[in-house]
PDB file of N, CA and C in Angstrom:
ATOM      1  N   MET A   1     -26.034  34.827  59.064  1.00  0.00           N
ATOM      2  CA  MET A   1     -25.274  34.436  58.287  1.00  0.00           C
ATOM      3  C   MET A   1     -25.389  36.359  57.751  1.00  0.00           C
ATOM      4  N   SER A   2     -26.443  37.031  58.243  1.00  0.00           N
ATOM      5  CA  SER A   2     -26.655  38.196  58.252  1.00  0.00           C
ATOM      6  C   SER A   2     -25.100  39.251  58.766  1.00  0.00           C
ATOM      7  N   LYS A   3     -24.314  38.799  59.270  1.00  0.00           N
ATOM      8  CA  LYS A   3     -23.505  39.887  59.084  1.00  0.00           C
ATOM      9  C   LYS A   3     -22.791  39.335  58.038  1.00  0.00           C
ATOM     10  N   VAL A   4     -22.685  38.299  58.035  1.00  0.00           N
ATOM     11  CA  VAL A   4     -21.382  37.213  56.344  1.00  0.00           C
ATOM     12  C   VAL A   4     -22.387  38.651  55.113  1.00  0.00           C
ATOM     13  N   LEU A   5     -23.098  38.639  55.142  1.00  0.00           N
ATOM     14  CA  LEU A   5     -23.907  39.002  54.179  1.00  0.00           C
ATOM     15  C   LEU A   5     -23.539  41.607  54.719  1.00  0.00           C
ATOM     16  N   LYS A   6     -23.441  41.235  55.536  1.00  0.00           N
ATOM     17  CA  LYS A   6     -23.491  43.343  55.747  1.00  0.00           C
ATOM     18  C   LYS A   6     -21.555  43.409  55.522  1.00  0.00           C
ATOM     19  N   ILE A   7     -20.289  42.063  56.062  1.00  0.00           N
ATOM     20  CA  ILE A   7     -19.068  42.568  55.967  1.00  0.00           C
ATOM     21  C   ILE A   7     -18.473  41.960  54.157  1.00  0.00           C
ATOM     22  N   TYR A   8     -19.673  41.521  53.367  1.00  0.00           N
ATOM     23  CA  TYR A   8     -19.632  41.244  52.258  1.00  0.00           C
ATOM     24  C   TYR A   8     -19.881  42.729  51.393  1.00  0.00           C
ATOM     25  N   ARG A   9     -20.767  43.009  51.980  1.00  0.00           N
ATOM     26  CA  ARG A   9     -21.737  44.450  51.410  1.00  0.00           C
ATOM     27  C   ARG A   9     -20.229  45.079  51.280  1.00  0.00           C
ATOM     28  N   LYS A  10     -20.114  45.567  52.564  1.00  0.00           N
ATOM     29  CA  LYS A  10     -18.626  46.321  52.481  1.00  0.00           C
ATOM     30  C   LYS A  10     -17.720  46.568  51.756  1.00  0.00           C
ATOM     31  N   SER A  11     -16.669  45.048  51.543  1.00  0.00           N
ATOM     32  CA  SER A  11     -16.480  44.628  51.022  1.00  0.00           C
ATOM     33  C   SER A  11     -16.504  44.744  49.661  1.00  0.00           C
ATOM     34  N   LEU A  12     -17.651  44.741  49.020  1.00  0.00           N
ATOM     35  CA  LEU A  12     -17.337  45.285  48.100  1.00  0.00           C
ATOM     36  C   LEU A  12     -18.183  46.401  47.538  1.00  0.00           C
ATOM     37  N   THR A  13     -18.588  47.052  49.698  1.00  0.00           N
ATOM     38  CA  THR A  13     -18.552  48.728  48.255  1.00  0.00           C
ATOM     39  C   THR A  13     -17.207  49.738  48.748  1.00  0.00           C
ATOM     40  N   PHE A  14     -16.807  49.342  49.393  1.00  0.00           N
ATOM     41  CA  PHE A  14     -14.697  48.722  49.775  1.00  0.00           C
ATOM     42  C   PHE A  14     -14.549  49.556  48.047  1.00  0.00           C
ATOM     43  N   PRO A  15     -14.501  48.880  47.461  1.00  0.00           N
ATOM     44  CA  PRO A  15     -13.472  49.690  45.801  1.00  0.00           C
ATOM     45  C   PRO A  15     -14.665  50.209  44.898  1.00  0.00           C
ATOM     46  N   LYS A  16     -15.896  49.901  44.918  1.00  0.00           N
ATOM     47  CA  LYS A  16     -16.170  51.005  44.562  1.00  0.00           C
ATOM     48  C   LYS A  16     -16.093  52.495  44.954  1.00  0.00           C
ATOM     49  N   ALA A  17     -15.613  53.088  46.483  1.00  0.00           N
ATOM     50  CA  ALA A  17     -15.497  54.426  47.257  1.00  0.00           C
ATOM     51  C   ALA A  17     -14.850  54.913  46.213  1.00  0.00           C
ATOM     52  N   SER A  18     -13.569  53.742  45.934  1.00  0.00           N
ATOM     53  CA  SER A  18     -12.486  54.311  45.418  1.00  0.00           C
ATOM     54  C   SER A  18     -12.813  55.849  44.252  1.00  0.00           C
ATOM     55  N   LYS A  19     -13.771  54.547  43.650  1.00  0.00           N
ATOM     56  CA  LYS A  19     -14.255  55.230  42.407  1.00  0.00           C
ATOM     57  C   LYS A  19     -15.682  56.327  42.634  1.00  0.00           C
ATOM     58  N   PRO A  20     -14.665  57.340  43.061  1.00  0.00           N
ATOM     59  CA  PRO A  20     -16.745  58.469  43.068  1.00  0.00           C
ATOM     60  C   PRO A  20     -17.299  58.273  41.874  1.00  0.00           C
ATOM     61  N   LEU A  21     -16.242  58.999  41.592  1.00  0.00           N
ATOM     62  CA  LEU A  21     -16.774  59.417  40.035  1.00  0.00           C
ATOM     63  C   LEU A  21     -17.410  58.117  39.711  1.00  0.00           C
ATOM     64  N   SER A  22     -17.544  57.337  39.560  1.00  0.00           N
ATOM     65  CA  SER A  22     -18.095  55.999  38.929  1.00  0.00           C
ATOM     66  C   SER A  22     -19.336  55.805  39.661  1.00  0.00           C
ATOM     67  N   LYS A  23     -19.231  55.714  41.379  1.00  0.00           N
ATOM     68  CA  LYS A  23     -19.982  56.204  41.918  1.00  0.00           C
ATOM     69  C   LYS A  23     -21.373  57.078  41.745  1.00  0.00           C
ATOM     70  N   LYS A  24     -20.810  58.022  41.560  1.00  0.00           N
ATOM     71  CA  LYS A  24     -22.162  59.205  41.348  1.00  0.00           C
ATOM     72  C   LYS A  24     -22.804  58.485  39.627  1.00  0.00           C
ATOM     73  N   SER A  25     -22.113  58.712  38.629  1.00  0.00           N
ATOM     74  CA  SER A  25     -22.600  57.966  37.566  1.00  0.00           C
ATOM     75  C   SER A  25     -23.173  57.218  37.501  1.00  0.00           C
ATOM     76  N   SER A  26     -22.549  55.883  38.296  1.00  0.00           N
ATOM     77  CA  SER A  26     -23.131  54.286  38.118  1.00  0.00           C
ATOM     78  C   SER A  26     -24.043  54.081  39.524  1.00  0.00           C
ATOM     79  N   THR A  27     -24.289  55.435  40.139  1.00  0.00           N
ATOM     80  CA  THR A  27     -26.395  54.364  41.009  1.00  0.00           C
ATOM     81  C   THR A  27     -26.677  53.030  40.869  1.00  0.00           C
ATOM     82  N   PRO A  28     -27.828  53.864  39.396  1.00  0.00           N
ATOM     83  CA  PRO A  28     -28.737  53.468  38.742  1.00  0.00           C
ATOM     84  C   PRO A  28     -27.953  51.518  38.143  1.00  0.00           C
ATOM     85  N   ARG A  29     -26.923  51.541  38.107  1.00  0.00           N
ATOM     86  CA  ARG A  29     -25.983  51.296  36.809  1.00  0.00           C
ATOM     87  C   ARG A  29     -25.814  49.112  39.015  1.00  0.00           C
ATOM     88  N   ASN A  30     -24.838  51.001  39.291  1.00  0.00           N
ATOM     89  CA  ASN A  30     -25.322  49.565  41.208  1.00  0.00           C
ATOM     90  C   ASN A  30     -26.425  49.265  41.629  1.00  0.00           C
ATOM     91  N   GLU A  31     -27.110  49.378  41.731  1.00  0.00           N
ATOM     92  CA  GLU A  31     -28.859  48.086  41.303  1.00  0.00           C
ATOM     93  C   GLU A  31     -28.817  48.158  40.919  1.00  0.00           C
ATOM     94  N   LYS A  32     -28.052  47.528  39.702  1.00  0.00           N
ATOM     95  CA  LYS A  32     -28.930  46.071  38.197  1.00  0.00           C
ATOM     96  C   LYS A  32     -27.295  45.206  38.740  1.00  0.00           C
ATOM     97  N   LYS A  33     -25.855  45.896  39.339  1.00  0.00           N
ATOM     98  CA  LYS A  33     -25.258  45.059  38.996  1.00  0.00           C
ATOM     99  C   LYS A  33     -25.204  44.211  40.605  1.00  0.00           C
ATOM    100  N   MET A  34     -25.664  44.535  41.635  1.00  0.00           N
ATOM    101  CA  MET A  34     -25.937  44.654  43.351  1.00  0.00           C
ATOM    102  C   MET A  34     -26.380  43.227  43.525  1.00  0.00           C
ATOM    103  N   PRO A  35     -27.162  43.080  42.563  1.00  0.00           N
ATOM    104  CA  PRO A  35     -28.520  41.509  43.151  1.00  0.00           C
ATOM    105  C   PRO A  35     -27.231  40.881  41.672  1.00  0.00           C
ATOM    106  N   LYS A  36     -26.539  40.431  40.463  1.00  0.00           N
ATOM    107  CA  LYS A  36     -25.810  39.548  39.884  1.00  0.00           C
ATOM    108  C   LYS A  36     -24.316  39.924  41.096  1.00  0.00           C
ATOM    109  N   PRO A  37     -24.083  40.015  41.825  1.00  0.00           N
ATOM    110  CA  PRO A  37     -22.755  39.641  42.349  1.00  0.00           C
ATOM    111  C   PRO A  37     -23.503  38.935  43.268  1.00  0.00           C
ATOM    112  N   ILE A  38     -23.743  39.312  44.464  1.00  0.00           N
ATOM    113  CA  ILE A  38     -25.013  39.325  45.225  1.00  0.00           C
ATOM    114  C   ILE A  38     -24.934  37.048  45.267  1.00  0.00           C
ATOM    115  N   ARG A  39     -25.325  37.299  44.587  1.00  0.00           N
ATOM    116  CA  ARG A  39     -25.681  36.016  43.894  1.00  0.00           C
ATOM    117  C   ARG A  39     -24.643  34.153  43.730  1.00  0.00           C
ATOM    118  N   PRO A  40     -23.444  34.832  43.551  1.00  0.00           N
ATOM    119  CA  PRO A  40     -21.958  34.354  43.981  1.00  0.00           C
ATOM    120  C   PRO A  40     -21.575  34.241  45.403  1.00  0.00           C
ATOM    121  N   ASN A  41     -21.884  36.114  45.670  1.00  0.00           N
ATOM    122  CA  ASN A  41     -21.396  36.011  46.860  1.00  0.00           C
ATOM    123  C   ASN A  41     -21.716  35.345  48.462  1.00  0.00           C
ATOM    124  N   PRO A  42     -23.078  34.710  48.533  1.00  0.00           N
ATOM    125  CA  PRO A  42     -23.268  33.521  49.622  1.00  0.00           C
ATOM    126  C   PRO A  42     -21.967  32.309  49.167  1.00  0.00           C
ATOM    127  N   ILE A  43     -22.174  31.684  48.400  1.00  0.00           N
ATOM    128  CA  ILE A  43     -21.792  30.297  47.918  1.00  0.00           C
ATOM    129  C   ILE A  43     -20.729  31.176  48.185  1.00  0.00           C
ATOM    130  N   PHE A  44     -19.310  31.462  47.226  1.00  0.00           N
ATOM    131  CA  PHE A  44     -18.065  31.985  47.673  1.00  0.00           C
ATOM    132  C   PHE A  44     -17.764  32.697  49.394  1.00  0.00           C
ATOM    133  N   PHE A  45     -18.608  32.636  49.413  1.00  0.00           N
ATOM    134  CA  PHE A  45     -18.777  33.552  51.517  1.00  0.00           C
ATOM    135  C   PHE A  45     -18.503  32.208  52.458  1.00  0.00           C
ATOM    136  N   CYS A  46     -19.397  31.580  52.237  1.00  0.00           N
ATOM    137  CA  CYS A  46     -19.731  29.565  52.531  1.00  0.00           C
ATOM    138  C   CYS A  46     -18.358  28.830  52.124  1.00  0.00           C
ATOM    139  N   SER A  47     -17.919  29.331  51.281  1.00  0.00           N
ATOM    140  CA  SER A  47     -16.190  28.697  50.606  1.00  0.00           C
ATOM    141  C   SER A  47     -15.906  28.608  51.389  1.00  0.00           C
ATOM    142  N   PHE A  48     -15.728  30.172  51.694  1.00  0.00           N
ATOM    143  CA  PHE A  48     -14.726  30.371  52.192  1.00  0.00           C
ATOM    144  C   PHE A  48     -14.612  30.452  53.724  1.00  0.00           C
ATOM    145  N   SER A  49     -15.443  30.554  54.177  1.00  0.00           N
ATOM    146  CA  SER A  49     -15.522  30.066  56.235  1.00  0.00           C
ATOM    147  C   SER A  49     -15.843  28.855  55.690  1.00  0.00           C
ATOM    148  N   SER A  50     -15.641  27.954  55.255  1.00  0.00           N
ATOM    149  CA  SER A  50     -15.561  26.485  55.182  1.00  0.00           C
ATOM    150  C   SER A  50     -13.803  25.851  55.254  1.00  0.00           C
TER     151      SER A  50
END
């Protein structure tokens, strides 16, 4: 499970890394947006793994 979460986190950081400008000004927003997508993350990944 830990590995899956780490992989998902990396894939989430990948698209965000594409926007370095957005990352700097989105630093505080990222924290608030992280918990939102993390909720469906485990469910979506579990479905994909199955």
